[in-house]
């Protein structure tokens, strides 16, 4: 690939990224955020987290050893920590570390 092709490709990707980031602000201006967007802003984080939980636990073997014990402990730790501290990042990080520790050291 020539240097001009690479520079042109980077310029196009940059322009498309900038346009897609700023387009909602250009279209909506300084008007009030539509109710549908506010609703999605409230609901989608919980829906995404629920889908991630289902995706992470879909292959858990509960009929064979260790019967999903590391997953259950990690999910319980994540839930308790989130209710206690109300920090999504902290609870997900701690749950992931707990799961990885249990799997690497005990199971």
PDB file of N, CA and C in Angstrom:
ATOM      1  N   UNK A   1       0.840  -1.188   0.000  1.00  0.00           N
ATOM      2  CA  UNK A   1       0.000   0.000   0.000  1.00  0.00           C
ATOM      3  C   UNK A   1       0.877   1.241   0.000  1.00  0.00           C
ATOM      4  N   UNK A   2       0.427   2.219  -0.729  1.00  0.00           N
ATOM      5  CA  UNK A   2       1.202   3.456  -0.785  1.00  0.00           C
ATOM      6  C   UNK A   2       0.885   4.330   0.422  1.00  0.00           C
ATOM      7  N   UNK A   3       1.779   5.256   0.692  1.00  0.00           N
ATOM      8  CA  UNK A   3       1.601   6.171   1.816  1.00  0.00           C
ATOM      9  C   UNK A   3       0.359   7.033   1.625  1.00  0.00           C
ATOM     10  N   UNK A   4       0.081   7.457   0.405  1.00  0.00           N
ATOM     11  CA  UNK A   4      -1.104   8.294   0.144  1.00  0.00           C
ATOM     12  C   UNK A   4      -2.390   7.519   0.411  1.00  0.00           C
ATOM     13  N   UNK A   5      -2.404   6.233   0.060  1.00  0.00           N
ATOM     14  CA  UNK A   5      -3.578   5.398   0.316  1.00  0.00           C
ATOM     15  C   UNK A   5      -3.825   5.293   1.823  1.00  0.00           C
ATOM     16  N   UNK A   6      -2.783   5.066   2.590  1.00  0.00           N
ATOM     17  CA  UNK A   6      -2.911   4.944   4.045  1.00  0.00           C
ATOM     18  C   UNK A   6      -3.398   6.255   4.647  1.00  0.00           C
ATOM     19  N   UNK A   7      -2.841   7.380   4.193  1.00  0.00           N
ATOM     20  CA  UNK A   7      -3.270   8.686   4.715  1.00  0.00           C
ATOM     21  C   UNK A   7      -4.729   8.949   4.355  1.00  0.00           C
ATOM     22  N   UNK A   8      -5.124   8.615   3.130  1.00  0.00           N
ATOM     23  CA  UNK A   8      -6.519   8.803   2.717  1.00  0.00           C
ATOM     24  C   UNK A   8      -7.456   7.926   3.543  1.00  0.00           C
ATOM     25  N   UNK A   9      -7.055   6.694   3.800  1.00  0.00           N
ATOM     26  CA  UNK A   9      -7.880   5.786   4.588  1.00  0.00           C
ATOM     27  C   UNK A   9      -8.051   6.312   6.009  1.00  0.00           C
ATOM     28  N   UNK A  10      -6.970   6.786   6.611  1.00  0.00           N
ATOM     29  CA  UNK A  10      -7.047   7.345   7.964  1.00  0.00           C
ATOM     30  C   UNK A  10      -7.936   8.582   7.972  1.00  0.00           C
ATOM     31  N   UNK A  11      -7.838   9.422   6.937  1.00  0.00           N
ATOM     32  CA  UNK A  11      -8.667  10.625   6.857  1.00  0.00           C
ATOM     33  C   UNK A  11     -10.144  10.277   6.747  1.00  0.00           C
ATOM     34  N   UNK A  12     -10.477   9.284   5.933  1.00  0.00           N
ATOM     35  CA  UNK A  12     -11.881   8.877   5.772  1.00  0.00           C
ATOM     36  C   UNK A  12     -12.421   8.300   7.071  1.00  0.00           C
ATOM     37  N   UNK A  13     -11.664   7.428   7.720  1.00  0.00           N
ATOM     38  CA  UNK A  13     -12.103   6.837   8.992  1.00  0.00           C
ATOM     39  C   UNK A  13     -12.290   7.926  10.042  1.00  0.00           C
ATOM     40  N   UNK A  14     -11.373   8.887  10.089  1.00  0.00           N
ATOM     41  CA  UNK A  14     -11.481   9.994  11.040  1.00  0.00           C
ATOM     42  C   UNK A  14     -12.723  10.826  10.764  1.00  0.00           C
ATOM     43  N   UNK A  15     -12.967  11.153   9.505  1.00  0.00           N
ATOM     44  CA  UNK A  15     -14.135  11.960   9.152  1.00  0.00           C
ATOM     45  C   UNK A  15     -15.437  11.243   9.491  1.00  0.00           C
ATOM     46  N   UNK A  16     -15.517   9.971   9.166  1.00  0.00           N
ATOM     47  CA  UNK A  16     -16.734   9.206   9.465  1.00  0.00           C
ATOM     48  C   UNK A  16     -16.954   9.125  10.972  1.00  0.00           C
ATOM     49  N   UNK A  17     -15.893   8.915  11.729  1.00  0.00           N
ATOM     50  CA  UNK A  17     -16.014   8.849  13.186  1.00  0.00           C
ATOM     51  C   UNK A  17     -16.501  10.180  13.746  1.00  0.00           C
ATOM     52  N   UNK A  18     -15.935  11.271  13.270  1.00  0.00           N
ATOM     53  CA  UNK A  18     -16.343  12.592  13.756  1.00  0.00           C
ATOM     54  C   UNK A  18     -17.806  12.867  13.408  1.00  0.00           C
ATOM     55  N   UNK A  19     -18.192  12.556  12.186  1.00  0.00           N
ATOM     56  CA  UNK A  19     -19.577  12.805  11.770  1.00  0.00           C
ATOM     57  C   UNK A  19     -20.545  11.976  12.599  1.00  0.00           C
ATOM     58  N   UNK A  20     -20.258  10.694  12.810  1.00  0.00           N
ATOM     59  CA  UNK A  20     -21.191   9.863  13.578  1.00  0.00           C
ATOM     60  C   UNK A  20     -21.248  10.270  15.047  1.00  0.00           C
ATOM     61  N   UNK A  21     -20.185  10.826  15.589  1.00  0.00           N
ATOM     62  CA  UNK A  21     -20.196  11.275  16.984  1.00  0.00           C
ATOM     63  C   UNK A  21     -20.981  12.567  17.157  1.00  0.00           C
ATOM     64  N   UNK A  22     -20.846  13.484  16.194  1.00  0.00           N
ATOM     65  CA  UNK A  22     -21.456  14.800  16.340  1.00  0.00           C
ATOM     66  C   UNK A  22     -22.810  14.931  15.650  1.00  0.00           C
ATOM     67  N   UNK A  23     -23.185  13.984  14.805  1.00  0.00           N
ATOM     68  CA  UNK A  23     -24.441  14.068  14.069  1.00  0.00           C
ATOM     69  C   UNK A  23     -25.666  14.249  14.966  1.00  0.00           C
ATOM     70  N   UNK A  24     -25.816  13.485  16.067  1.00  0.00           N
ATOM     71  CA  UNK A  24     -26.988  13.706  16.921  1.00  0.00           C
ATOM     72  C   UNK A  24     -27.047  15.135  17.484  1.00  0.00           C
ATOM     73  N   UNK A  25     -25.909  15.708  17.814  1.00  0.00           N
ATOM     74  CA  UNK A  25     -25.897  17.066  18.346  1.00  0.00           C
ATOM     75  C   UNK A  25     -26.238  18.085  17.262  1.00  0.00           C
ATOM     76  N   UNK A  26     -25.776  17.842  16.042  1.00  0.00           N
ATOM     77  CA  UNK A  26     -26.091  18.746  14.938  1.00  0.00           C
ATOM     78  C   UNK A  26     -27.568  18.663  14.587  1.00  0.00           C
ATOM     79  N   UNK A  27     -28.130  17.455  14.597  1.00  0.00           N
ATOM     80  CA  UNK A  27     -29.530  17.276  14.223  1.00  0.00           C
ATOM     81  C   UNK A  27     -30.454  17.803  15.316  1.00  0.00           C
ATOM     82  N   UNK A  28     -30.177  17.444  16.566  1.00  0.00           N
ATOM     83  CA  UNK A  28     -31.056  17.834  17.660  1.00  0.00           C
ATOM     84  C   UNK A  28     -30.777  19.237  18.167  1.00  0.00           C
ATOM     85  N   UNK A  29     -29.578  19.733  17.941  1.00  0.00           N
ATOM     86  CA  UNK A  29     -29.239  21.074  18.432  1.00  0.00           C
ATOM     87  C   UNK A  29     -29.264  21.119  19.949  1.00  0.00           C
ATOM     88  N   UNK A  30     -29.693  22.226  20.471  1.00  0.00           N
ATOM     89  CA  UNK A  30     -29.765  22.403  21.931  1.00  0.00           C
ATOM     90  C   UNK A  30     -31.155  22.104  22.481  1.00  0.00           C
ATOM     91  N   UNK A  31     -31.965  21.467  21.663  1.00  0.00           N
ATOM     92  CA  UNK A  31     -33.325  21.151  22.129  1.00  0.00           C
ATOM     93  C   UNK A  31     -33.287  20.119  23.246  1.00  0.00           C
ATOM     94  N   UNK A  32     -34.419  19.978  23.897  1.00  0.00           N
ATOM     95  CA  UNK A  32     -34.548  18.995  24.970  1.00  0.00           C
ATOM     96  C   UNK A  32     -34.394  17.597  24.384  1.00  0.00           C
ATOM     97  N   UNK A  33     -33.770  16.732  25.139  1.00  0.00           N
ATOM     98  CA  UNK A  33     -33.574  15.346  24.711  1.00  0.00           C
ATOM     99  C   UNK A  33     -34.937  14.664  24.587  1.00  0.00           C
ATOM    100  N   UNK A  34     -35.179  13.952  23.476  1.00  0.00           N
ATOM    101  CA  UNK A  34     -36.473  13.270  23.319  1.00  0.00           C
ATOM    102  C   UNK A  34     -36.708  12.255  24.427  1.00  0.00           C
ATOM    103  N   UNK A  35     -37.965  12.057  24.752  1.00  0.00           N
ATOM    104  CA  UNK A  35     -38.340  11.133  25.831  1.00  0.00           C
ATOM    105  C   UNK A  35     -37.878   9.710  25.533  1.00  0.00           C
ATOM    106  N   UNK A  36     -37.929   9.313  24.273  1.00  0.00           N
ATOM    107  CA  UNK A  36     -37.508   7.955  23.914  1.00  0.00           C
ATOM    108  C   UNK A  36     -36.022   7.753  24.203  1.00  0.00           C
ATOM    109  N   UNK A  37     -35.200   8.764  23.934  1.00  0.00           N
ATOM    110  CA  UNK A  37     -33.765   8.657  24.194  1.00  0.00           C
ATOM    111  C   UNK A  37     -33.499   8.613  25.696  1.00  0.00           C
ATOM    112  N   UNK A  38     -34.227   9.424  26.462  1.00  0.00           N
ATOM    113  CA  UNK A  38     -34.070   9.380  27.922  1.00  0.00           C
ATOM    114  C   UNK A  38     -34.488   8.030  28.477  1.00  0.00           C
ATOM    115  N   UNK A  39     -35.572   7.463  27.943  1.00  0.00           N
ATOM    116  CA  UNK A  39     -36.023   6.145  28.376  1.00  0.00           C
ATOM    117  C   UNK A  39     -34.958   5.085  28.087  1.00  0.00           C
ATOM    118  N   UNK A  40     -34.412   5.107  26.871  1.00  0.00           N
ATOM    119  CA  UNK A  40     -33.363   4.150  26.522  1.00  0.00           C
ATOM    120  C   UNK A  40     -32.129   4.330  27.397  1.00  0.00           C
ATOM    121  N   UNK A  41     -31.815   5.558  27.752  1.00  0.00           N
ATOM    122  CA  UNK A  41     -30.677   5.817  28.631  1.00  0.00           C
ATOM    123  C   UNK A  41     -30.873   5.230  30.020  1.00  0.00           C
ATOM    124  N   UNK A  42     -32.123   5.146  30.458  1.00  0.00           N
ATOM    125  CA  UNK A  42     -32.404   4.548  31.767  1.00  0.00           C
ATOM    126  C   UNK A  42     -32.478   3.027  31.705  1.00  0.00           C
ATOM    127  N   UNK A  43     -32.990   2.482  30.623  1.00  0.00           N
ATOM    128  CA  UNK A  43     -33.285   1.053  30.551  1.00  0.00           C
ATOM    129  C   UNK A  43     -32.136   0.220  29.975  1.00  0.00           C
ATOM    130  N   UNK A  44     -31.440   0.728  28.984  1.00  0.00           N
ATOM    131  CA  UNK A  44     -30.436  -0.080  28.290  1.00  0.00           C
ATOM    132  C   UNK A  44     -29.287  -0.580  29.158  1.00  0.00           C
ATOM    133  N   UNK A  45     -28.757   0.205  30.092  1.00  0.00           N
ATOM    134  CA  UNK A  45     -27.665  -0.367  30.900  1.00  0.00           C
ATOM    135  C   UNK A  45     -28.078  -1.644  31.636  1.00  0.00           C
ATOM    136  N   UNK A  46     -29.282  -1.683  32.171  1.00  0.00           N
ATOM    137  CA  UNK A  46     -29.740  -2.884  32.874  1.00  0.00           C
ATOM    138  C   UNK A  46     -29.976  -4.027  31.901  1.00  0.00           C
ATOM    139  N   UNK A  47     -30.518  -3.733  30.734  1.00  0.00           N
ATOM    140  CA  UNK A  47     -30.754  -4.772  29.731  1.00  0.00           C
ATOM    141  C   UNK A  47     -29.431  -5.350  29.242  1.00  0.00           C
ATOM    142  N   UNK A  48     -28.453  -4.498  29.032  1.00  0.00           N
ATOM    143  CA  UNK A  48     -27.149  -4.974  28.580  1.00  0.00           C
ATOM    144  C   UNK A  48     -26.498  -5.842  29.647  1.00  0.00           C
ATOM    145  N   UNK A  49     -26.585  -5.425  30.896  1.00  0.00           N
ATOM    146  CA  UNK A  49     -26.007  -6.232  31.983  1.00  0.00           C
ATOM    147  C   UNK A  49     -26.708  -7.582  32.084  1.00  0.00           C
ATOM    148  N   UNK A  50     -28.024  -7.596  31.932  1.00  0.00           N
ATOM    149  CA  UNK A  50     -28.754  -8.868  31.982  1.00  0.00           C
ATOM    150  C   UNK A  50     -28.328  -9.785  30.846  1.00  0.00           C
ATOM    151  N   UNK A  51     -28.147  -9.228  29.650  1.00  0.00           N
ATOM    152  CA  UNK A  51     -27.688 -10.045  28.523  1.00  0.00           C
ATOM    153  C   UNK A  51     -26.281 -10.575  28.762  1.00  0.00           C
ATOM    154  N   UNK A  52     -25.413  -9.774  29.364  1.00  0.00           N
ATOM    155  CA  UNK A  52     -24.060 -10.237  29.671  1.00  0.00           C
ATOM    156  C   UNK A  52     -24.075 -11.370  30.687  1.00  0.00           C
ATOM    157  N   UNK A  53     -24.931 -11.271  31.687  1.00  0.00           N
ATOM    158  CA  UNK A  53     -25.029 -12.340  32.686  1.00  0.00           C
ATOM    159  C   UNK A  53     -25.498 -13.631  32.025  1.00  0.00           C
ATOM    160  N   UNK A  54     -26.524 -13.540  31.195  1.00  0.00           N
ATOM    161  CA  UNK A  54     -27.027 -14.731  30.504  1.00  0.00           C
ATOM    162  C   UNK A  54     -25.941 -15.316  29.605  1.00  0.00           C
ATOM    163  N   UNK A  55     -25.235 -14.464  28.869  1.00  0.00           N
ATOM    164  CA  UNK A  55     -24.171 -14.933  27.985  1.00  0.00           C
ATOM    165  C   UNK A  55     -23.047 -15.615  28.774  1.00  0.00           C
ATOM    166  N   UNK A  56     -22.680 -15.037  29.910  1.00  0.00           N
ATOM    167  CA  UNK A  56     -21.577 -15.601  30.695  1.00  0.00           C
ATOM    168  C   UNK A  56     -21.957 -16.920  31.357  1.00  0.00           C
ATOM    169  N   UNK A  57     -23.209 -17.088  31.685  1.00  0.00           N
ATOM    170  CA  UNK A  57     -23.621 -18.293  32.417  1.00  0.00           C
ATOM    171  C   UNK A  57     -24.247 -19.362  31.528  1.00  0.00           C
ATOM    172  N   UNK A  58     -24.365 -19.124  30.227  1.00  0.00           N
ATOM    173  CA  UNK A  58     -25.073 -20.060  29.356  1.00  0.00           C
ATOM    174  C   UNK A  58     -24.396 -21.425  29.240  1.00  0.00           C
ATOM    175  N   UNK A  59     -23.098 -21.486  29.375  1.00  0.00           N
ATOM    176  CA  UNK A  59     -22.387 -22.756  29.234  1.00  0.00           C
ATOM    177  C   UNK A  59     -21.995 -23.381  30.577  1.00  0.00           C
ATOM    178  N   UNK A  60     -22.576 -22.920  31.648  1.00  0.00           N
ATOM    179  CA  UNK A  60     -22.248 -23.446  32.968  1.00  0.00           C
ATOM    180  C   UNK A  60     -22.826 -24.848  33.124  1.00  0.00           C
ATOM    181  N   UNK A  61     -21.969 -25.777  33.471  1.00  0.00           N
ATOM    182  CA  UNK A  61     -22.388 -27.170  33.683  1.00  0.00           C
ATOM    183  C   UNK A  61     -22.785 -27.356  35.140  1.00  0.00           C
ATOM    184  N   UNK A  62     -24.075 -27.408  35.404  1.00  0.00           N
ATOM    185  CA  UNK A  62     -24.527 -27.586  36.791  1.00  0.00           C
ATOM    186  C   UNK A  62     -24.654 -29.053  37.173  1.00  0.00           C
ATOM    187  N   UNK A  63     -24.635 -29.941  36.173  1.00  0.00           N
ATOM    188  CA  UNK A  63     -24.770 -31.367  36.464  1.00  0.00           C
ATOM    189  C   UNK A  63     -23.419 -32.055  36.646  1.00  0.00           C
ATOM    190  N   UNK A  64     -22.339 -31.372  36.323  1.00  0.00           N
ATOM    191  CA  UNK A  64     -21.002 -31.950  36.460  1.00  0.00           C
ATOM    192  C   UNK A  64     -20.183 -31.075  37.400  1.00  0.00           C
ATOM    193  N   UNK A  65     -19.193 -31.691  38.039  1.00  0.00           N
ATOM    194  CA  UNK A  65     -18.346 -30.940  38.962  1.00  0.00           C
ATOM    195  C   UNK A  65     -17.669 -29.809  38.220  1.00  0.00           C
ATOM    196  N   UNK A  66     -17.530 -28.686  38.801  1.00  0.00           N
ATOM    197  CA  UNK A  66     -17.830 -28.200  40.144  1.00  0.00           C
ATOM    198  C   UNK A  66     -19.245 -27.649  40.312  1.00  0.00           C
ATOM    199  N   UNK A  67     -20.176 -28.039  39.429  1.00  0.00           N
ATOM    200  CA  UNK A  67     -21.595 -27.727  39.549  1.00  0.00           C
ATOM    201  C   UNK A  67     -21.887 -26.221  39.521  1.00  0.00           C
ATOM    202  N   UNK A  68     -21.063 -25.458  38.835  1.00  0.00           N
ATOM    203  CA  UNK A  68     -21.299 -24.022  38.714  1.00  0.00           C
ATOM    204  C   UNK A  68     -20.960 -23.233  39.955  1.00  0.00           C
ATOM    205  N   UNK A  69     -20.205 -23.836  40.857  1.00  0.00           N
ATOM    206  CA  UNK A  69     -19.863 -23.162  42.117  1.00  0.00           C
ATOM    207  C   UNK A  69     -19.035 -21.892  41.911  1.00  0.00           C
ATOM    208  N   UNK A  70     -17.976 -21.894  41.089  1.00  0.00           N
ATOM    209  CA  UNK A  70     -17.231 -20.640  40.913  1.00  0.00           C
ATOM    210  C   UNK A  70     -18.081 -19.532  40.299  1.00  0.00           C
ATOM    211  N   UNK A  71     -18.946 -19.895  39.357  1.00  0.00           N
ATOM    212  CA  UNK A  71     -19.822 -18.899  38.746  1.00  0.00           C
ATOM    213  C   UNK A  71     -20.801 -18.334  39.768  1.00  0.00           C
ATOM    214  N   UNK A  72     -21.378 -19.213  40.582  1.00  0.00           N
ATOM    215  CA  UNK A  72     -22.342 -18.767  41.586  1.00  0.00           C
ATOM    216  C   UNK A  72     -21.698 -17.843  42.613  1.00  0.00           C
ATOM    217  N   UNK A  73     -20.496 -18.207  43.064  1.00  0.00           N
ATOM    218  CA  UNK A  73     -19.799 -17.369  44.048  1.00  0.00           C
ATOM    219  C   UNK A  73     -19.470 -16.006  43.447  1.00  0.00           C
ATOM    220  N   UNK A  74     -18.990 -16.000  42.204  1.00  0.00           N
ATOM    221  CA  UNK A  74     -18.629 -14.737  41.560  1.00  0.00           C
ATOM    222  C   UNK A  74     -19.846 -13.862  41.312  1.00  0.00           C
ATOM    223  N   UNK A  75     -20.959 -14.446  40.879  1.00  0.00           N
ATOM    224  CA  UNK A  75     -22.183 -13.669  40.661  1.00  0.00           C
ATOM    225  C   UNK A  75     -22.703 -13.117  41.982  1.00  0.00           C
ATOM    226  N   UNK A  76     -22.688 -13.934  43.023  1.00  0.00           N
ATOM    227  CA  UNK A  76     -23.137 -13.476  44.340  1.00  0.00           C
ATOM    228  C   UNK A  76     -22.254 -12.343  44.852  1.00  0.00           C
ATOM    229  N   UNK A  77     -20.951 -12.489  44.679  1.00  0.00           N
ATOM    230  CA  UNK A  77     -20.036 -11.436  45.117  1.00  0.00           C
ATOM    231  C   UNK A  77     -20.281 -10.148  44.340  1.00  0.00           C
ATOM    232  N   UNK A  78     -20.473 -10.263  43.038  1.00  0.00           N
ATOM    233  CA  UNK A  78     -20.740  -9.090  42.212  1.00  0.00           C
ATOM    234  C   UNK A  78     -22.021  -8.390  42.651  1.00  0.00           C
ATOM    235  N   UNK A  79     -23.078  -9.164  42.881  1.00  0.00           N
ATOM    236  CA  UNK A  79     -24.360  -8.575  43.275  1.00  0.00           C
ATOM    237  C   UNK A  79     -24.276  -7.905  44.636  1.00  0.00           C
ATOM    238  N   UNK A  80     -23.678  -8.591  45.608  1.00  0.00           N
ATOM    239  CA  UNK A  80     -23.569  -8.024  46.964  1.00  0.00           C
ATOM    240  C   UNK A  80     -22.717  -6.764  46.955  1.00  0.00           C
ATOM    241  N   UNK A  81     -21.602  -6.807  46.258  1.00  0.00           N
ATOM    242  CA  UNK A  81     -20.720  -5.644  46.192  1.00  0.00           C
ATOM    243  C   UNK A  81     -21.402  -4.476  45.486  1.00  0.00           C
ATOM    244  N   UNK A  82     -22.188  -4.758  44.462  1.00  0.00           N
ATOM    245  CA  UNK A  82     -22.874  -3.673  43.763  1.00  0.00           C
ATOM    246  C   UNK A  82     -23.956  -3.052  44.631  1.00  0.00           C
ATOM    247  N   UNK A  83     -24.700  -3.878  45.344  1.00  0.00           N
ATOM    248  CA  UNK A  83     -25.733  -3.336  46.237  1.00  0.00           C
ATOM    249  C   UNK A  83     -25.092  -2.525  47.361  1.00  0.00           C
ATOM    250  N   UNK A  84     -23.951  -2.993  47.839  1.00  0.00           N
ATOM    251  CA  UNK A  84     -23.280  -2.321  48.953  1.00  0.00           C
ATOM    252  C   UNK A  84     -22.616  -1.017  48.514  1.00  0.00           C
ATOM    253  N   UNK A  85     -21.814  -1.051  47.457  1.00  0.00           N
ATOM    254  CA  UNK A  85     -21.016   0.112  47.054  1.00  0.00           C
ATOM    255  C   UNK A  85     -21.621   0.936  45.919  1.00  0.00           C
ATOM    256  N   UNK A  86     -22.582   0.379  45.175  1.00  0.00           N
ATOM    257  CA  UNK A  86     -23.193   1.073  44.034  1.00  0.00           C
ATOM    258  C   UNK A  86     -22.165   1.521  42.994  1.00  0.00           C
ATOM    259  N   UNK A  87     -21.155   0.683  42.779  1.00  0.00           N
ATOM    260  CA  UNK A  87     -20.123   0.980  41.791  1.00  0.00           C
ATOM    261  C   UNK A  87     -20.073  -0.167  40.783  1.00  0.00           C
ATOM    262  N   UNK A  88     -20.556   0.091  39.589  1.00  0.00           N
ATOM    263  CA  UNK A  88     -20.598  -0.945  38.560  1.00  0.00           C
ATOM    264  C   UNK A  88     -19.206  -1.457  38.227  1.00  0.00           C
ATOM    265  N   UNK A  89     -18.290  -0.534  38.023  1.00  0.00           N
ATOM    266  CA  UNK A  89     -16.931  -0.929  37.667  1.00  0.00           C
ATOM    267  C   UNK A  89     -16.290  -1.786  38.757  1.00  0.00           C
ATOM    268  N   UNK A  90     -16.428  -1.362  39.994  1.00  0.00           N
ATOM    269  CA  UNK A  90     -15.855  -2.112  41.115  1.00  0.00           C
ATOM    270  C   UNK A  90     -16.471  -3.501  41.228  1.00  0.00           C
ATOM    271  N   UNK A  91     -17.785  -3.583  41.137  1.00  0.00           N
ATOM    272  CA  UNK A  91     -18.438  -4.880  41.321  1.00  0.00           C
ATOM    273  C   UNK A  91     -18.100  -5.841  40.180  1.00  0.00           C
ATOM    274  N   UNK A  92     -18.063  -5.358  38.935  1.00  0.00           N
ATOM    275  CA  UNK A  92     -17.721  -6.234  37.813  1.00  0.00           C
ATOM    276  C   UNK A  92     -16.266  -6.673  37.900  1.00  0.00           C
ATOM    277  N   UNK A  93     -15.383  -5.750  38.225  1.00  0.00           N
ATOM    278  CA  UNK A  93     -13.968  -6.092  38.342  1.00  0.00           C
ATOM    279  C   UNK A  93     -13.740  -7.106  39.470  1.00  0.00           C
ATOM    280  N   UNK A  94     -14.349  -6.875  40.612  1.00  0.00           N
ATOM    281  CA  UNK A  94     -14.175  -7.791  41.741  1.00  0.00           C
ATOM    282  C   UNK A  94     -14.772  -9.167  41.434  1.00  0.00           C
ATOM    283  N   UNK A  95     -15.939  -9.201  40.792  1.00  0.00           N
ATOM    284  CA  UNK A  95     -16.545 -10.483  40.426  1.00  0.00           C
ATOM    285  C   UNK A  95     -15.698 -11.256  39.433  1.00  0.00           C
ATOM    286  N   UNK A  96     -15.135 -10.545  38.466  1.00  0.00           N
ATOM    287  CA  UNK A  96     -14.266 -11.191  37.483  1.00  0.00           C
ATOM    288  C   UNK A  96     -13.008 -11.733  38.142  1.00  0.00           C
ATOM    289  N   UNK A  97     -12.391 -10.924  38.983  1.00  0.00           N
ATOM    290  CA  UNK A  97     -11.187 -11.379  39.689  1.00  0.00           C
ATOM    291  C   UNK A  97     -11.487 -12.566  40.599  1.00  0.00           C
ATOM    292  N   UNK A  98     -12.623 -12.529  41.275  1.00  0.00           N
ATOM    293  CA  UNK A  98     -13.029 -13.638  42.145  1.00  0.00           C
ATOM    294  C   UNK A  98     -13.191 -14.918  41.323  1.00  0.00           C
ATOM    295  N   UNK A  99     -13.879 -14.816  40.200  1.00  0.00           N
ATOM    296  CA  UNK A  99     -14.087 -15.994  39.349  1.00  0.00           C
ATOM    297  C   UNK A  99     -12.760 -16.546  38.839  1.00  0.00           C
ATOM    298  N   UNK A 100     -11.912 -15.661  38.340  1.00  0.00           N
ATOM    299  CA  UNK A 100     -10.626 -16.114  37.812  1.00  0.00           C
ATOM    300  C   UNK A 100      -9.765 -16.741  38.903  1.00  0.00           C
ATOM    301  N   UNK A 101      -9.779 -16.172  40.099  1.00  0.00           N
ATOM    302  CA  UNK A 101      -9.041 -16.739  41.208  1.00  0.00           C
ATOM    303  C   UNK A 101      -9.559 -18.144  41.546  1.00  0.00           C
ATOM    304  N   UNK A 102     -10.864 -18.280  41.666  1.00  0.00           N
ATOM    305  CA  UNK A 102     -11.438 -19.587  42.014  1.00  0.00           C
ATOM    306  C   UNK A 102     -11.129 -20.633  40.956  1.00  0.00           C
ATOM    307  N   UNK A 103     -11.258 -20.264  39.681  1.00  0.00           N
ATOM    308  CA  UNK A 103     -11.028 -21.223  38.610  1.00  0.00           C
ATOM    309  C   UNK A 103      -9.555 -21.620  38.544  1.00  0.00           C
ATOM    310  N   UNK A 104      -8.657 -20.662  38.726  1.00  0.00           N
ATOM    311  CA  UNK A 104      -7.230 -20.951  38.606  1.00  0.00           C
ATOM    312  C   UNK A 104      -6.680 -21.694  39.835  1.00  0.00           C
ATOM    313  N   UNK A 105      -7.192 -21.418  40.999  1.00  0.00           N
ATOM    314  CA  UNK A 105      -6.614 -21.979  42.221  1.00  0.00           C
ATOM    315  C   UNK A 105      -7.333 -23.228  42.745  1.00  0.00           C
ATOM    316  N   UNK A 106      -8.636 -23.336  42.524  1.00  0.00           N
ATOM    317  CA  UNK A 106      -9.372 -24.424  43.166  1.00  0.00           C
ATOM    318  C   UNK A 106     -10.071 -25.357  42.188  1.00  0.00           C
ATOM    319  N   UNK A 107     -10.480 -24.889  41.026  1.00  0.00           N
ATOM    320  CA  UNK A 107     -11.296 -25.728  40.136  1.00  0.00           C
ATOM    321  C   UNK A 107     -10.604 -26.012  38.851  1.00  0.00           C
TER     322      UNK A 107
END
